[in-house]
Amino acid sequence: MSDKKLLLVEDDRALADLVTYHFDRAGYDVTRTGDGEEALILAEEITPDLILLDWMIEGISGIEVCRRLRRRQNTANLPIIMLTARGEEDDRIRGLETGADDYITKPFSPKELVARAGAVLRRVRPALAAEQLEYAGIEMDLAAHRVRRDGEPIQVGPTEYRLLRHFLENPGRVFSRQQLLETVWPHSEDIELRTVDVHIRRLRIALNEHGGPDLIRTVRAAGYALDAEGAR
């Protein structure tokens, strides 16, 4: 399972193939579409770590897609890089003011694009570049695959480890069971939604073994979040 999920919104198939090839090699899991409406749906469904968004696409324009993503609570903070043939200063300013985190004009070097994407992620989502994740007393050493809470070692299984890592990379954010299934389980099409509840329960037990508030918040009809503010 790749560590970073990329949503590529580009209706030029040859360019999309080229960009996909380079991001695949860089360890990204790439989902692609050339349609603005579908991009808005996918951004909610797959919760990407980064969106590459072409300005001129089918249906809704890229700039409007960016504007709508910034208005939605679940996608307001997603890193977005705009891709466009528009190189004028006014266009670049408009793209950035709409909410894009970076802006790259065509033609561009795919290697530079991968590097710029990495720079945006390090700035906006530093957890993806970290070797240790920390939140509310929970520490995860990604190199040693060890977990501690308030200094005490915590024993978790492989699936619970992946769940916890996803939560630590996105503290406070609510994920539906379907989103967790698609992110944490490599072959989610074979897994039932209630399996998520089973592993959430196991993770809760492991994290609470030495006491302390329950940091995993259940949001009725929505899903789960790692949230110290809502801890009981």
Protein backbone atom coordinates (compact mmCIF):
# COMPACT_ATOMS: atom_id res chain seq x y z
CA MET A 1 0.00 0.00 0.00
CA SER A 2 1.39 3.39 -1.03
CA ASP A 3 1.92 6.00 1.65
CA LYS A 4 0.64 8.92 -0.45
CA LYS A 5 -2.58 9.11 -2.45
CA LEU A 6 -2.74 11.45 -5.44
CA LEU A 7 -5.84 12.62 -7.29
CA LEU A 8 -4.88 13.72 -10.81
CA VAL A 9 -7.48 15.86 -12.60
CA GLU A 10 -6.31 16.16 -16.22
CA ASP A 11 -8.27 15.57 -19.46
CA ASP A 12 -5.22 15.31 -21.75
CA ARG A 13 -4.77 11.53 -21.75
CA ALA A 14 -1.15 11.55 -22.99
CA LEU A 15 -0.13 14.07 -20.32
CA ALA A 16 -2.10 12.19 -17.65
CA ASP A 17 -0.29 8.96 -18.63
CA LEU A 18 3.09 10.72 -18.35
CA VAL A 19 2.32 12.29 -14.97
CA THR A 20 0.88 9.00 -13.65
CA TYR A 21 4.04 7.13 -14.70
CA HIS A 22 6.34 9.50 -12.79
CA PHE A 23 4.21 9.61 -9.64
CA ASP A 24 3.82 5.82 -9.65
CA ARG A 25 7.63 5.57 -9.67
CA ALA A 26 7.79 8.06 -6.79
CA GLY A 27 5.55 5.82 -4.63
CA TYR A 28 2.19 7.53 -5.08
CA ASP A 29 -1.13 5.73 -5.50
CA VAL A 30 -2.66 7.68 -8.41
CA THR A 31 -6.40 8.05 -9.10
CA ARG A 32 -7.22 10.07 -12.21
CA THR A 33 -10.13 11.77 -13.93
CA GLY A 34 -10.59 14.43 -16.58
CA ASP A 35 -13.97 15.60 -15.35
CA GLY A 36 -14.56 18.33 -12.76
CA GLU A 37 -17.75 16.86 -11.32
CA GLU A 38 -16.13 13.47 -10.86
CA ALA A 39 -13.10 15.13 -9.28
CA LEU A 40 -15.31 16.65 -6.57
CA ILE A 41 -16.82 13.23 -5.84
CA LEU A 42 -13.44 11.45 -5.79
CA ALA A 43 -11.95 14.06 -3.47
CA GLU A 44 -14.60 13.11 -0.89
CA GLU A 45 -14.42 9.36 -1.52
CA ILE A 46 -10.70 8.63 -1.58
CA THR A 47 -9.42 11.44 0.70
CA PRO A 48 -6.23 12.05 -1.33
CA ASP A 49 -3.10 13.49 0.24
CA LEU A 50 -2.60 15.76 -2.77
CA ILE A 51 -4.60 16.94 -5.80
CA LEU A 52 -3.03 17.89 -9.15
CA LEU A 53 -5.71 19.98 -10.83
CA ASP A 54 -5.68 21.18 -14.44
CA TRP A 55 -7.30 24.57 -14.99
CA MET A 56 -9.02 23.64 -18.29
CA ILE A 57 -10.99 20.40 -17.85
CA GLU A 58 -14.35 18.99 -18.91
CA GLY A 59 -17.47 20.25 -17.15
CA ILE A 60 -16.54 22.42 -14.19
CA SER A 61 -13.29 24.36 -14.62
CA GLY A 62 -10.32 23.53 -12.41
CA ILE A 63 -10.48 26.92 -10.73
CA GLU A 64 -14.12 26.29 -9.79
CA VAL A 65 -13.27 22.77 -8.55
CA CYS A 66 -10.58 24.33 -6.34
CA ARG A 67 -13.04 26.93 -5.03
CA ARG A 68 -15.66 24.30 -4.16
CA LEU A 69 -13.13 22.02 -2.46
CA ARG A 70 -12.02 24.89 -0.24
CA ARG A 71 -15.64 25.56 0.78
CA ARG A 72 -16.27 21.97 1.95
CA GLN A 73 -15.29 20.99 5.47
CA ASN A 74 -13.91 17.56 4.50
CA THR A 75 -11.71 18.91 1.68
CA ALA A 76 -10.93 22.46 2.82
CA ASN A 77 -7.34 21.60 3.77
CA LEU A 78 -6.39 19.23 0.95
CA PRO A 79 -3.14 20.31 -0.73
CA ILE A 80 -3.82 21.40 -4.34
CA ILE A 81 -1.36 22.13 -7.16
CA MET A 82 -2.87 23.82 -10.22
CA LEU A 83 -1.62 22.71 -13.65
CA THR A 84 -2.26 25.08 -16.53
CA ALA A 85 -1.11 26.56 -19.81
CA ARG A 86 -2.05 29.98 -18.40
CA GLY A 87 1.25 31.59 -17.50
CA GLU A 88 0.19 35.19 -17.02
CA GLU A 89 0.81 36.72 -13.61
CA ASP A 90 -2.89 37.59 -13.11
CA ASP A 91 -3.85 33.94 -13.73
CA ARG A 92 -1.26 32.67 -11.28
CA ILE A 93 -2.46 35.11 -8.63
CA ARG A 94 -6.10 34.11 -9.26
CA GLY A 95 -5.22 30.43 -8.88
CA LEU A 96 -3.38 31.00 -5.62
CA GLU A 97 -6.07 33.31 -4.24
CA THR A 98 -8.69 30.65 -4.99
CA GLY A 99 -6.84 28.30 -2.67
CA ALA A 100 -4.16 26.48 -4.66
CA ASP A 101 -1.00 25.70 -2.68
CA ASP A 102 1.22 25.87 -5.76
CA TYR A 103 0.92 26.62 -9.47
CA ILE A 104 2.90 25.12 -12.34
CA THR A 105 2.57 26.09 -16.01
CA LYS A 106 2.72 23.80 -19.04
CA PRO A 107 4.94 22.55 -20.47
CA PHE A 108 6.66 21.35 -17.32
CA SER A 109 9.23 18.76 -16.30
CA PRO A 110 7.51 15.72 -14.71
CA LYS A 111 10.49 15.36 -12.36
CA GLU A 112 10.10 18.97 -11.25
CA LEU A 113 6.38 18.38 -10.72
CA VAL A 114 7.10 15.39 -8.46
CA ALA A 115 9.62 17.49 -6.53
CA ARG A 116 7.17 20.39 -6.17
CA ALA A 117 4.49 17.95 -5.00
CA GLY A 118 6.85 16.62 -2.34
CA ALA A 119 7.66 20.16 -1.21
CA VAL A 120 3.96 21.02 -0.87
CA LEU A 121 3.32 17.86 1.15
CA ARG A 122 6.24 18.56 3.47
CA ARG A 123 4.91 22.05 4.06
CA VAL A 124 1.18 21.29 4.33
CA ARG A 125 1.23 17.68 5.59
CA PRO A 126 4.56 17.30 7.43
CA ALA A 127 3.39 14.01 8.94
CA LEU A 128 3.88 12.32 5.56
CA ALA A 129 7.60 13.15 5.63
CA ALA A 130 8.15 12.37 9.30
CA GLU A 131 9.78 9.29 10.81
CA GLN A 132 7.81 9.71 14.03
CA LEU A 133 4.19 10.71 14.48
CA GLU A 134 2.90 12.22 17.73
CA TYR A 135 -0.52 13.29 18.96
CA ALA A 136 -2.02 13.68 22.43
CA GLY A 137 0.61 11.48 24.10
CA ILE A 138 0.61 8.81 21.36
CA GLU A 139 3.98 8.30 19.68
CA MET A 140 4.55 6.13 16.60
CA ASP A 141 8.08 5.33 15.47
CA LEU A 142 7.68 4.59 11.75
CA ALA A 143 11.19 3.18 11.38
CA ALA A 144 10.98 0.76 14.32
CA HIS A 145 7.20 0.10 14.01
CA ARG A 146 6.70 0.84 17.69
CA VAL A 147 3.86 2.65 19.45
CA ARG A 148 3.84 4.30 22.87
CA ARG A 149 1.22 6.22 24.83
CA ASP A 150 2.43 8.49 27.59
CA GLY A 151 5.73 6.63 27.46
CA GLU A 152 4.20 3.17 27.88
CA PRO A 153 4.66 0.66 25.01
CA ILE A 154 1.45 -0.31 23.19
CA GLN A 155 1.06 -3.62 21.37
CA VAL A 156 -1.05 -3.37 18.21
CA GLY A 157 -1.59 -5.74 15.29
CA PRO A 158 -0.63 -4.86 11.69
CA THR A 159 -4.11 -3.63 10.74
CA GLU A 160 -4.51 -1.59 13.93
CA TYR A 161 -1.06 -0.11 13.27
CA ARG A 162 -2.15 1.04 9.79
CA LEU A 163 -5.38 2.45 11.21
CA LEU A 164 -3.54 4.35 13.93
CA ARG A 165 -0.99 5.69 11.47
CA HIS A 166 -3.77 7.02 9.24
CA PHE A 167 -5.42 8.70 12.23
CA LEU A 168 -2.12 10.19 13.43
CA GLU A 169 -1.49 11.65 9.98
CA ASN A 170 -4.95 13.25 10.06
CA PRO A 171 -5.76 14.11 13.69
CA GLY A 172 -9.23 15.47 14.31
CA ARG A 173 -10.50 14.52 10.86
CA VAL A 174 -13.58 12.26 10.65
CA PHE A 175 -13.35 9.28 8.28
CA SER A 176 -16.28 7.12 7.24
CA ARG A 177 -16.00 3.33 7.46
CA GLN A 178 -15.79 3.18 3.67
CA GLN A 179 -12.96 5.70 3.56
CA LEU A 180 -11.03 3.79 6.22
CA LEU A 181 -11.65 0.53 4.39
CA GLU A 182 -10.27 1.89 1.12
CA THR A 183 -7.27 3.52 2.80
CA VAL A 184 -6.17 0.89 5.32
CA TRP A 185 -7.09 -2.41 3.68
CA PRO A 186 -5.09 -3.24 0.49
CA HIS A 187 -7.94 -5.32 -0.99
CA SER A 188 -10.97 -3.55 0.44
CA GLU A 189 -13.38 -5.00 -2.13
CA ASP A 190 -13.27 -8.30 -0.23
CA ILE A 191 -13.84 -6.76 3.22
CA GLU A 192 -17.14 -5.91 4.92
CA LEU A 193 -17.72 -2.50 6.53
CA ARG A 194 -18.29 -4.03 9.96
CA THR A 195 -14.69 -5.27 9.86
CA VAL A 196 -13.68 -1.64 10.41
CA ASP A 197 -15.66 -1.55 13.66
CA VAL A 198 -13.92 -4.72 14.88
CA HIS A 199 -10.45 -3.28 14.34
CA ILE A 200 -11.42 0.12 15.78
CA ARG A 201 -12.53 -1.71 18.93
CA ARG A 202 -9.20 -3.60 19.10
CA LEU A 203 -7.28 -0.36 18.61
CA ARG A 204 -9.28 1.30 21.39
CA ILE A 205 -8.52 -1.54 23.79
CA ALA A 206 -4.80 -1.37 22.99
CA LEU A 207 -4.58 2.41 23.36
CA ASN A 208 -6.54 2.44 26.62
CA GLU A 209 -4.69 -0.47 28.24
CA HIS A 210 -2.84 1.80 30.68
CA GLY A 211 -5.75 4.17 31.29
CA GLY A 212 -6.32 7.68 30.04
CA PRO A 213 -9.17 9.16 28.00
CA ASP A 214 -10.51 7.40 24.90
CA LEU A 215 -9.03 9.37 22.01
CA ILE A 216 -10.99 7.63 19.24
CA ARG A 217 -14.23 9.53 18.73
CA THR A 218 -17.24 7.80 17.19
CA VAL A 219 -19.30 10.22 15.10
CA ARG A 220 -22.79 8.84 14.67
CA ALA A 221 -23.72 8.18 11.02
CA ALA A 222 -20.34 9.58 9.94
CA GLY A 223 -17.43 7.46 11.16
CA TYR A 224 -14.40 7.79 13.43
CA ALA A 225 -11.73 10.34 14.30
CA LEU A 226 -8.65 10.54 16.52
CA ASP A 227 -9.65 13.58 18.53
CA ALA A 228 -8.27 14.66 21.88
CA GLU A 229 -10.83 17.50 22.17
CA GLY A 230 -13.70 15.02 22.08
CA ALA A 231 -12.02 12.47 24.37
CA ARG A 232 -13.95 10.99 27.26
